[in-house]
Amino acid sequence: MRSGLQYYEIYWRSPTKQVEASLGGTKNRKLQFAEGLTLQLTNPKAVFFFMSIFPQFVNYNSNFVGQFFLLVVTYSGLVIVIHALYAHLAKSARGWLSSEKGGRMVNRVGGGTFMCFGVGLASASK
C-alpha cells in the first residue's frame, strides 16, 4: 500500500505525458452517421422520454400530430446544437490538456484529489 507521500510524488510532481493525436477510425462519415441514427432510434430511453414528457405540452383539441412533430423537431435541433458545442469544447480542451501546462494541471488536480481523499479517510471515525 502506498503512503500519502508516494501519491504526492507520483501525481503532484510527475512529468506530464504527451497525448498523441489519433487519426480516428477508418469508417466513413456516412456509415458512422447511419450507426448513430440506428442506435438512437432503437434507444428505449428516447421513446419513453417522448411518450412521458411531450404529451403534457400537446393540446388534443387541435392537430396533435403536428404539435408532437414540432416538439420532436425542436428537441432534436437543440440536441444537435448542444452536441456540436460539446464537440467544439472537447476539441479546444484537448489542445490545452495536451500542452505542458495543461498536463501539469491535470496531474495536480489528480494529486490534490487523492490527498483530499487521504485526509478524509484519516479523519473518518468509521
Protein backbone atom coordinates (compact mmCIF):
# COMPACT_ATOMS: atom_id res chain seq x y z
CA MET A 1 0.00 0.00 0.00
CA ARG A 2 1.33 3.42 -0.89
CA SER A 3 1.72 6.24 1.56
CA GLY A 4 0.43 9.76 1.05
CA LEU A 5 3.94 10.98 0.24
CA GLN A 6 4.25 8.43 -2.56
CA TYR A 7 0.98 9.63 -4.10
CA TYR A 8 2.26 13.19 -3.75
CA GLU A 9 5.40 12.27 -5.68
CA ILE A 10 3.53 10.27 -8.32
CA TYR A 11 0.72 12.68 -9.11
CA TRP A 12 1.77 16.14 -7.98
CA ARG A 13 5.34 16.26 -9.21
CA SER A 14 5.33 13.73 -12.06
CA PRO A 15 6.24 14.93 -15.53
CA THR A 16 3.42 15.46 -18.00
CA LYS A 17 2.66 12.86 -20.64
CA GLN A 18 2.21 13.87 -24.23
CA VAL A 19 -1.06 12.83 -25.84
CA GLU A 20 -0.66 11.63 -29.39
CA ALA A 21 -3.14 12.74 -31.99
CA SER A 22 -5.11 9.80 -33.30
CA LEU A 23 -6.41 9.76 -36.82
CA GLY A 24 -9.64 8.11 -35.71
CA GLY A 25 -11.30 5.13 -37.24
CA THR A 26 -11.23 4.17 -40.87
CA LYS A 27 -15.05 4.22 -41.23
CA ASN A 28 -16.51 6.85 -43.48
CA ARG A 29 -18.79 9.57 -42.14
CA LYS A 30 -21.99 8.23 -43.73
CA LEU A 31 -21.55 4.84 -42.07
CA GLN A 32 -20.84 6.46 -38.71
CA PHE A 33 -23.96 8.63 -39.08
CA ALA A 34 -26.10 5.62 -40.01
CA GLU A 35 -24.83 3.68 -36.98
CA GLY A 36 -25.52 6.60 -34.65
CA LEU A 37 -29.00 7.16 -36.09
CA THR A 38 -29.85 3.47 -35.78
CA LEU A 39 -28.61 3.42 -32.22
CA GLN A 40 -30.65 6.49 -31.28
CA LEU A 41 -33.84 5.29 -32.98
CA THR A 42 -33.67 1.95 -31.17
CA ASN A 43 -32.86 3.54 -27.80
CA PRO A 44 -35.82 2.90 -25.47
CA LYS A 45 -34.89 5.87 -23.25
CA ALA A 46 -35.73 8.32 -26.04
CA VAL A 47 -39.06 6.61 -26.71
CA PHE A 48 -40.03 6.72 -23.03
CA PHE A 49 -38.92 10.35 -22.80
CA PHE A 50 -41.06 11.41 -25.75
CA MET A 51 -44.04 9.37 -24.54
CA SER A 52 -43.90 10.64 -20.94
CA ILE A 53 -42.88 14.30 -21.27
CA PHE A 54 -44.24 15.57 -24.57
CA PRO A 55 -47.95 14.67 -24.11
CA GLN A 56 -48.11 17.23 -21.30
CA PHE A 57 -47.49 20.02 -23.82
CA VAL A 58 -49.87 18.86 -26.56
CA ASN A 59 -53.36 20.31 -26.97
CA TYR A 60 -55.54 17.38 -28.04
CA ASN A 61 -58.37 19.64 -29.25
CA SER A 62 -56.32 20.56 -32.31
CA ASN A 63 -53.93 18.68 -34.61
CA PHE A 64 -51.81 16.85 -32.03
CA VAL A 65 -49.67 15.01 -34.59
CA GLY A 66 -48.34 18.31 -35.93
CA GLN A 67 -47.70 19.61 -32.42
CA PHE A 68 -45.86 16.44 -31.44
CA PHE A 69 -43.80 16.60 -34.65
CA LEU A 70 -42.88 20.24 -33.91
CA LEU A 71 -41.80 19.32 -30.37
CA VAL A 72 -39.67 16.41 -31.61
CA VAL A 73 -38.00 18.53 -34.31
CA THR A 74 -37.33 21.35 -31.84
CA TYR A 75 -35.88 18.94 -29.28
CA SER A 76 -33.74 17.23 -31.93
CA GLY A 77 -32.40 20.56 -33.15
CA LEU A 78 -31.44 21.56 -29.63
CA VAL A 79 -29.69 18.23 -29.08
CA ILE A 80 -27.69 18.70 -32.30
CA VAL A 81 -26.63 22.21 -31.28
CA ILE A 82 -25.68 21.08 -27.76
CA HIS A 83 -23.66 18.10 -29.01
CA ALA A 84 -21.89 20.28 -31.58
CA LEU A 85 -20.98 22.64 -28.73
CA TYR A 86 -19.68 19.69 -26.67
CA ALA A 87 -17.55 18.56 -29.61
CA HIS A 88 -16.12 22.06 -30.10
CA LEU A 89 -15.33 22.43 -26.40
CA ALA A 90 -13.74 18.96 -26.30
CA LYS A 91 -11.56 19.83 -29.28
CA SER A 92 -10.48 23.07 -27.59
CA ALA A 93 -9.85 21.35 -24.26
CA ARG A 94 -7.82 18.60 -25.94
CA GLY A 95 -5.37 21.16 -27.27
CA TRP A 96 -4.93 22.76 -23.87
CA LEU A 97 -4.82 19.49 -21.90
CA SER A 98 -2.16 18.04 -24.18
CA SER A 99 0.11 21.04 -23.54
CA GLU A 100 2.75 21.10 -20.83
CA LYS A 101 0.77 23.49 -18.64
CA GLY A 102 -2.48 21.57 -19.04
CA GLY A 103 -0.82 18.24 -18.29
CA ARG A 104 0.73 19.67 -15.15
CA MET A 105 -2.69 20.97 -14.08
CA VAL A 106 -4.27 17.54 -14.64
CA ASN A 107 -1.52 15.94 -12.54
CA ARG A 108 -2.01 18.45 -9.73
CA VAL A 109 -5.79 18.14 -9.72
CA GLY A 110 -5.44 14.36 -9.59
CA GLY A 111 -2.84 14.55 -6.84
CA GLY A 112 -4.89 17.05 -4.86
CA THR A 113 -7.93 14.80 -5.15
CA PHE A 114 -6.00 11.84 -3.77
CA MET A 115 -4.64 13.99 -0.95
CA CYS A 116 -8.18 15.13 -0.05
CA PHE A 117 -9.33 11.51 -0.07
CA GLY A 118 -6.47 10.65 2.25
CA VAL A 119 -7.34 13.45 4.66
CA GLY A 120 -10.98 12.39 4.56
CA LEU A 121 -10.09 8.77 5.28
CA ALA A 122 -7.70 9.72 8.05
CA SER A 123 -10.29 11.94 9.74
CA ALA A 124 -13.20 9.49 9.37
CA SER A 125 -14.33 7.79 12.54
CA LYS A 126 -15.59 4.61 10.89
